[in-house]
Every structure is written in structure tokens, then in C-alpha cells.
């Protein structure tokens, strides 16, 4: 089994009412006894907004993707979901999606897959990286970033926060760090 670190940027808080604008994904797999991020096998897609969907000004300011850029450079949602499904089929093993927070990213991707392909090849399981980290480090959400830093588990600084691929890479590296820490506490 592998974990699939997924991150999205959207035009607002809910799929259907708002648009999925970009998705980034990267596998985290166990190789030679250690969990590693497979950045060579990453995926990044930008999508054209849904016709009539809302645009929350706060959400749009966070990622900086403009409707004009996406209309010109984004893929139609059907084509984007077909590309995502083809990429998923190319993965070597069964996977579970992982995100921070999975409660935002997973529903967006799942909704789009179901809406445009009539199926959700991601399935219904999702792994929340923050919840796993809090359990592993025995801390609350408020203390999580400090606990990660104290344990030496925080990933390198993300040069482009709120870019779906860069966020998927960052949280995927964090997940690999956490899984390796769980396998070998104290190292």
C-alpha cells in the first residue's frame, strides 16, 4: 500500500457550490524499509472554473489563481479528471489518500471524480495527516507545529505555499517523516 498526498486549491469552502481550481498529488511509498516521497511521480493539474460556481474573495486571495488564467490555461473539468484517473491507474499499488486536512481536499477531488466520471477511483478512505501527527506526538492541534519542530519531523520550508503541488509535496514529506518516526521512535 502507498499513501497518496493530495492537495487542492479551490474558489471556496465546498465542492459543487465552488470550483476545484488545482490539484497536486504525489505518492509516499515504503522502499527498502523506509517511507519516501516519490516526487518524480507527481501530478499537477489546473482546472477551468465551473460555470456559475461561486468565488469566495478570501479563498481566491490565498492561492492567487485568477479566473482569467484558469480559463486560458486550465483544463476542462472532465479532461482533468480523466487525466487524474489515468495517473492513478499508473500507480504500482493500492493507495489511500492523505491530506492536511483531508476534510477539505478529499471531498473536492471525490466530488469532481464522481460528477465528471461517474465514479470515484480514490475510494472513500482518507488519512488525515494532522490527526495522525497529533496522536503520534501526543499533542493538541494548537501545539502541533511546535511538537513537529521539537521532534525534528517538520519538512523543509515550502517555497510556494498554497500551490497544490508544492503543498502536496510538503505534506507528503511530513507524512513520510511521521511514518518513519513511528517505525523507529527515538531515531
C-alpha atoms as a PDB file:
ATOM      1  CA  UNK A   1       0.000   0.000   0.000  1.00  0.00           C
ATOM      2  CA  UNK A   2       1.061   3.581  -0.652  1.00  0.00           C
ATOM      3  CA  UNK A   3      -0.240   6.896   0.591  1.00  0.00           C
ATOM      4  CA  UNK A   4      -1.250   9.478  -1.961  1.00  0.00           C
ATOM      5  CA  UNK A   5      -0.606  13.002  -0.681  1.00  0.00           C
ATOM      6  CA  UNK A   6      -3.229  15.231  -2.276  1.00  0.00           C
ATOM      7  CA  UNK A   7      -3.727  18.969  -2.031  1.00  0.00           C
ATOM      8  CA  UNK A   8      -6.225  21.220  -3.771  1.00  0.00           C
ATOM      9  CA  UNK A   9      -6.854  24.899  -4.252  1.00  0.00           C
ATOM     10  CA  UNK A  10     -10.468  25.953  -4.678  1.00  0.00           C
ATOM     11  CA  UNK A  11     -12.638  29.014  -5.160  1.00  0.00           C
ATOM     12  CA  UNK A  12     -14.407  28.465  -1.842  1.00  0.00           C
ATOM     13  CA  UNK A  13     -15.117  26.073   1.027  1.00  0.00           C
ATOM     14  CA  UNK A  14     -17.477  23.492  -0.543  1.00  0.00           C
ATOM     15  CA  UNK A  15     -17.368  21.354  -3.709  1.00  0.00           C
ATOM     16  CA  UNK A  16     -20.259  21.912  -6.075  1.00  0.00           C
ATOM     17  CA  UNK A  17     -21.028  25.403  -4.835  1.00  0.00           C
ATOM     18  CA  UNK A  18     -17.442  26.417  -5.577  1.00  0.00           C
ATOM     19  CA  UNK A  19     -14.832  25.224  -8.079  1.00  0.00           C
ATOM     20  CA  UNK A  20     -11.812  22.981  -7.755  1.00  0.00           C
ATOM     21  CA  UNK A  21      -9.082  25.092  -9.359  1.00  0.00           C
ATOM     22  CA  UNK A  22      -5.955  22.976  -8.985  1.00  0.00           C
ATOM     23  CA  UNK A  23      -4.914  19.602  -7.646  1.00  0.00           C
ATOM     24  CA  UNK A  24      -1.474  18.288  -6.769  1.00  0.00           C
ATOM     25  CA  UNK A  25      -0.681  14.687  -5.878  1.00  0.00           C
ATOM     26  CA  UNK A  26       2.421  12.677  -5.010  1.00  0.00           C
ATOM     27  CA  UNK A  27       2.888   9.104  -3.710  1.00  0.00           C
ATOM     28  CA  UNK A  28       4.515   8.252  -0.388  1.00  0.00           C
ATOM     29  CA  UNK A  29       5.738   4.651  -0.524  1.00  0.00           C
ATOM     30  CA  UNK A  30       7.799   2.264   1.558  1.00  0.00           C
ATOM     31  CA  UNK A  31      11.027   1.410  -0.234  1.00  0.00           C
ATOM     32  CA  UNK A  32      13.894  -0.575   1.255  1.00  0.00           C
ATOM     33  CA  UNK A  33      12.446  -0.322   4.759  1.00  0.00           C
ATOM     34  CA  UNK A  34      11.837   3.422   4.754  1.00  0.00           C
ATOM     35  CA  UNK A  35       8.918   5.652   3.780  1.00  0.00           C
ATOM     36  CA  UNK A  36       9.863   8.051   0.991  1.00  0.00           C
ATOM     37  CA  UNK A  37       8.238  10.738  -1.090  1.00  0.00           C
ATOM     38  CA  UNK A  38       8.229   9.841  -4.799  1.00  0.00           C
ATOM     39  CA  UNK A  39       8.442  13.385  -6.175  1.00  0.00           C
ATOM     40  CA  UNK A  40       9.336  12.065  -9.650  1.00  0.00           C
ATOM     41  CA  UNK A  41       5.819  10.608  -9.877  1.00  0.00           C
ATOM     42  CA  UNK A  42       3.885  13.773  -9.064  1.00  0.00           C
ATOM     43  CA  UNK A  43       0.833  15.229 -10.781  1.00  0.00           C
ATOM     44  CA  UNK A  44      -0.342  18.832 -11.062  1.00  0.00           C
ATOM     45  CA  UNK A  45      -3.486  19.978 -12.841  1.00  0.00           C
ATOM     46  CA  UNK A  46      -5.207  23.347 -13.146  1.00  0.00           C
ATOM     47  CA  UNK A  47      -8.911  23.375 -13.955  1.00  0.00           C
ATOM     48  CA  UNK A  48     -11.300  25.814 -15.546  1.00  0.00           C
ATOM     49  CA  UNK A  49     -13.889  27.006 -13.006  1.00  0.00           C
ATOM     50  CA  UNK A  50     -17.387  25.556 -13.084  1.00  0.00           C
ATOM     51  CA  UNK A  51     -19.911  27.770 -14.826  1.00  0.00           C
ATOM     52  CA  UNK A  52     -21.986  29.611 -12.231  1.00  0.00           C
ATOM     53  CA  UNK A  53     -19.864  28.481  -9.270  1.00  0.00           C
ATOM     54  CA  UNK A  54     -19.081  30.934  -6.502  1.00  0.00           C
ATOM     55  CA  UNK A  55     -15.790  32.693  -5.871  1.00  0.00           C
ATOM     56  CA  UNK A  56     -15.034  33.460  -2.248  1.00  0.00           C
ATOM     57  CA  UNK A  57     -12.713  36.510  -2.243  1.00  0.00           C
ATOM     58  CA  UNK A  58     -10.701  35.165   0.716  1.00  0.00           C
ATOM     59  CA  UNK A  59     -10.155  31.798  -0.966  1.00  0.00           C
ATOM     60  CA  UNK A  60      -9.170  33.418  -4.253  1.00  0.00           C
ATOM     61  CA  UNK A  61      -6.653  35.684  -2.486  1.00  0.00           C
ATOM     62  CA  UNK A  62      -4.965  32.726  -0.755  1.00  0.00           C
ATOM     63  CA  UNK A  63      -3.820  30.877  -3.885  1.00  0.00           C
ATOM     64  CA  UNK A  64      -3.684  33.707  -6.407  1.00  0.00           C
ATOM     65  CA  UNK A  65      -5.168  31.699  -9.294  1.00  0.00           C
ATOM     66  CA  UNK A  66      -7.268  34.101 -11.343  1.00  0.00           C
ATOM     67  CA  UNK A  67     -10.357  33.118 -13.333  1.00  0.00           C
ATOM     68  CA  UNK A  68      -8.710  34.598 -16.439  1.00  0.00           C
ATOM     69  CA  UNK A  69      -5.581  32.461 -16.013  1.00  0.00           C
ATOM     70  CA  UNK A  70      -7.664  29.337 -15.429  1.00  0.00           C
ATOM     71  CA  UNK A  71      -9.983  29.945 -18.407  1.00  0.00           C
ATOM     72  CA  UNK A  72      -6.929  30.299 -20.639  1.00  0.00           C
ATOM     73  CA  UNK A  73      -4.634  27.650 -19.115  1.00  0.00           C
ATOM     74  CA  UNK A  74      -6.852  25.325 -17.087  1.00  0.00           C
ATOM     75  CA  UNK A  75      -8.261  22.050 -18.317  1.00  0.00           C
ATOM     76  CA  UNK A  76     -11.982  21.457 -18.654  1.00  0.00           C
ATOM     77  CA  UNK A  77     -13.022  19.517 -15.512  1.00  0.00           C
ATOM     78  CA  UNK A  78     -13.849  16.317 -17.444  1.00  0.00           C
ATOM     79  CA  UNK A  79     -10.422  16.251 -19.090  1.00  0.00           C
ATOM     80  CA  UNK A  80      -8.694  16.994 -15.776  1.00  0.00           C
ATOM     81  CA  UNK A  81     -10.496  14.115 -14.047  1.00  0.00           C
ATOM     82  CA  UNK A  82      -9.679  11.774 -16.950  1.00  0.00           C
ATOM     83  CA  UNK A  83      -6.002  12.690 -16.590  1.00  0.00           C
ATOM     84  CA  UNK A  84      -6.155  12.180 -12.825  1.00  0.00           C
ATOM     85  CA  UNK A  85      -7.760   8.762 -13.257  1.00  0.00           C
ATOM     86  CA  UNK A  86      -5.162   7.724 -15.870  1.00  0.00           C
ATOM     87  CA  UNK A  87      -2.376   8.815 -13.498  1.00  0.00           C
ATOM     88  CA  UNK A  88      -3.963   6.855 -10.636  1.00  0.00           C
ATOM     89  CA  UNK A  89      -4.128   3.727 -12.819  1.00  0.00           C
ATOM     90  CA  UNK A  90      -0.380   4.064 -13.398  1.00  0.00           C
ATOM     91  CA  UNK A  91       0.427   3.780  -9.697  1.00  0.00           C
ATOM     92  CA  UNK A  92       2.057   0.494  -8.836  1.00  0.00           C
ATOM     93  CA  UNK A  93      -0.032  -0.390  -5.789  1.00  0.00           C
ATOM     94  CA  UNK A  94      -3.247   0.182  -3.914  1.00  0.00           C
ATOM     95  CA  UNK A  95      -3.350   3.603  -2.281  1.00  0.00           C
ATOM     96  CA  UNK A  96      -5.050   5.621   0.433  1.00  0.00           C
ATOM     97  CA  UNK A  97      -5.378   9.376   0.023  1.00  0.00           C
ATOM     98  CA  UNK A  98      -3.686  11.544   2.641  1.00  0.00           C
ATOM     99  CA  UNK A  99      -4.094  15.271   3.173  1.00  0.00           C
ATOM    100  CA  UNK A 100      -3.853  18.096   5.690  1.00  0.00           C
ATOM    101  CA  UNK A 101      -6.788  18.467   6.247  1.00  0.00           C
ATOM    102  CA  UNK A 102      -8.390  15.541   4.496  1.00  0.00           C
ATOM    103  CA  UNK A 103     -11.803  17.024   5.358  1.00  0.00           C
ATOM    104  CA  UNK A 104     -11.225  19.743   2.729  1.00  0.00           C
ATOM    105  CA  UNK A 105      -9.125  18.156  -0.013  1.00  0.00           C
ATOM    106  CA  UNK A 106     -10.669  14.675  -0.289  1.00  0.00           C
ATOM    107  CA  UNK A 107     -14.298  15.811  -0.745  1.00  0.00           C
ATOM    108  CA  UNK A 108     -13.312  18.211  -3.523  1.00  0.00           C
ATOM    109  CA  UNK A 109     -11.452  15.603  -5.553  1.00  0.00           C
ATOM    110  CA  UNK A 110     -14.033  12.904  -4.823  1.00  0.00           C
ATOM    111  CA  UNK A 111     -16.921  15.172  -5.835  1.00  0.00           C
ATOM    112  CA  UNK A 112     -15.251  16.109  -9.116  1.00  0.00           C
ATOM    113  CA  UNK A 113     -14.401  12.498  -9.974  1.00  0.00           C
ATOM    114  CA  UNK A 114     -17.968  11.378  -9.255  1.00  0.00           C
ATOM    115  CA  UNK A 115     -19.525  14.334 -11.063  1.00  0.00           C
ATOM    116  CA  UNK A 116     -17.433  14.135 -14.237  1.00  0.00           C
ATOM    117  CA  UNK A 117     -16.512  10.430 -14.471  1.00  0.00           C
ATOM    118  CA  UNK A 118     -19.467   8.883 -12.669  1.00  0.00           C
ATOM    119  CA  UNK A 119     -17.100   7.101 -10.258  1.00  0.00           C
ATOM    120  CA  UNK A 120     -14.532   7.878  -7.605  1.00  0.00           C
ATOM    121  CA  UNK A 121     -11.362   5.805  -8.085  1.00  0.00           C
ATOM    122  CA  UNK A 122      -9.966   7.321  -4.873  1.00  0.00           C
ATOM    123  CA  UNK A 123     -12.498   5.347  -2.850  1.00  0.00           C
ATOM    124  CA  UNK A 124     -13.909   6.510   0.447  1.00  0.00           C
ATOM    125  CA  UNK A 125     -10.915   6.160   2.758  1.00  0.00           C
ATOM    126  CA  UNK A 126      -8.899   9.218   3.656  1.00  0.00           C
ATOM    127  CA  UNK A 127      -5.965   9.645   6.020  1.00  0.00           C
ATOM    128  CA  UNK A 128      -5.709  12.943   7.888  1.00  0.00           C
ATOM    129  CA  UNK A 129      -2.026  13.779   8.375  1.00  0.00           C
ATOM    130  CA  UNK A 130      -2.602  16.321  11.157  1.00  0.00           C
ATOM    131  CA  UNK A 131      -4.701  13.868  13.199  1.00  0.00           C
ATOM    132  CA  UNK A 132      -2.048  11.177  12.791  1.00  0.00           C
ATOM    133  CA  UNK A 133       0.681  13.602  13.871  1.00  0.00           C
ATOM    134  CA  UNK A 134      -1.281  14.698  16.952  1.00  0.00           C
ATOM    135  CA  UNK A 135      -1.768  11.080  18.014  1.00  0.00           C
ATOM    136  CA  UNK A 136       1.831  10.122  17.346  1.00  0.00           C
ATOM    137  CA  UNK A 137       3.277  13.150  19.145  1.00  0.00           C
ATOM    138  CA  UNK A 138       0.562  13.238  21.830  1.00  0.00           C
ATOM    139  CA  UNK A 139      -0.257  16.889  21.395  1.00  0.00           C
ATOM    140  CA  UNK A 140      -3.172  19.138  20.512  1.00  0.00           C
ATOM    141  CA  UNK A 141      -3.693  20.962  17.240  1.00  0.00           C
ATOM    142  CA  UNK A 142      -2.558  24.220  18.871  1.00  0.00           C
ATOM    143  CA  UNK A 143       0.805  22.663  19.797  1.00  0.00           C
ATOM    144  CA  UNK A 144       1.295  20.568  16.657  1.00  0.00           C
ATOM    145  CA  UNK A 145       3.737  22.719  14.667  1.00  0.00           C
ATOM    146  CA  UNK A 146       5.965  23.205  17.725  1.00  0.00           C
ATOM    147  CA  UNK A 147       5.819  19.474  18.516  1.00  0.00           C
ATOM    148  CA  UNK A 148       6.836  18.620  14.937  1.00  0.00           C
ATOM    149  CA  UNK A 149       9.786  21.006  15.134  1.00  0.00           C
ATOM    150  CA  UNK A 150      10.893  19.656  18.548  1.00  0.00           C
ATOM    151  CA  UNK A 151      10.779  16.098  17.207  1.00  0.00           C
ATOM    152  CA  UNK A 152      12.758  17.095  14.094  1.00  0.00           C
ATOM    153  CA  UNK A 153       9.906  15.988  11.846  1.00  0.00           C
ATOM    154  CA  UNK A 154       8.892  19.231  10.172  1.00  0.00           C
ATOM    155  CA  UNK A 155       9.542  19.198   6.413  1.00  0.00           C
ATOM    156  CA  UNK A 156      11.689  21.886   4.765  1.00  0.00           C
ATOM    157  CA  UNK A 157      10.001  25.248   4.303  1.00  0.00           C
ATOM    158  CA  UNK A 158       7.575  25.266   1.391  1.00  0.00           C
ATOM    159  CA  UNK A 159       8.772  27.872  -1.152  1.00  0.00           C
ATOM    160  CA  UNK A 160       5.260  28.267  -2.621  1.00  0.00           C
ATOM    161  CA  UNK A 161       2.529  27.800  -0.013  1.00  0.00           C
ATOM    162  CA  UNK A 162      -0.996  27.436  -1.385  1.00  0.00           C
ATOM    163  CA  UNK A 163       0.231  25.921  -4.647  1.00  0.00           C
ATOM    164  CA  UNK A 164      -1.397  22.491  -4.833  1.00  0.00           C
ATOM    165  CA  UNK A 165       1.687  20.566  -5.973  1.00  0.00           C
ATOM    166  CA  UNK A 166       4.076  22.263  -3.561  1.00  0.00           C
ATOM    167  CA  UNK A 167       1.642  21.689  -0.689  1.00  0.00           C
ATOM    168  CA  UNK A 168       1.195  18.018  -1.676  1.00  0.00           C
ATOM    169  CA  UNK A 169       4.984  17.608  -1.710  1.00  0.00           C
ATOM    170  CA  UNK A 170       5.363  19.329   1.676  1.00  0.00           C
ATOM    171  CA  UNK A 171       2.652  17.317   3.392  1.00  0.00           C
ATOM    172  CA  UNK A 172       3.855  14.119   1.685  1.00  0.00           C
ATOM    173  CA  UNK A 173       7.352  14.653   3.080  1.00  0.00           C
ATOM    174  CA  UNK A 174       5.858  15.307   6.503  1.00  0.00           C
ATOM    175  CA  UNK A 175       3.858  12.076   6.263  1.00  0.00           C
ATOM    176  CA  UNK A 176       6.988  10.114   5.303  1.00  0.00           C
ATOM    177  CA  UNK A 177       8.813  11.664   8.279  1.00  0.00           C
ATOM    178  CA  UNK A 178       5.962  10.737  10.631  1.00  0.00           C
ATOM    179  CA  UNK A 179       5.694   7.156   9.345  1.00  0.00           C
ATOM    180  CA  UNK A 180       9.455   6.644   9.687  1.00  0.00           C
ATOM    181  CA  UNK A 181       9.347   8.113  13.201  1.00  0.00           C
ATOM    182  CA  UNK A 182       6.535   5.705  14.128  1.00  0.00           C
ATOM    183  CA  UNK A 183       8.559   2.770  12.743  1.00  0.00           C
ATOM    184  CA  UNK A 184      11.721   3.818  14.616  1.00  0.00           C
ATOM    185  CA  UNK A 185      10.911   6.078  17.593  1.00  0.00           C
ATOM    186  CA  UNK A 186      13.884   7.924  19.013  1.00  0.00           C
ATOM    187  CA  UNK A 187      15.924   7.964  15.808  1.00  0.00           C
END
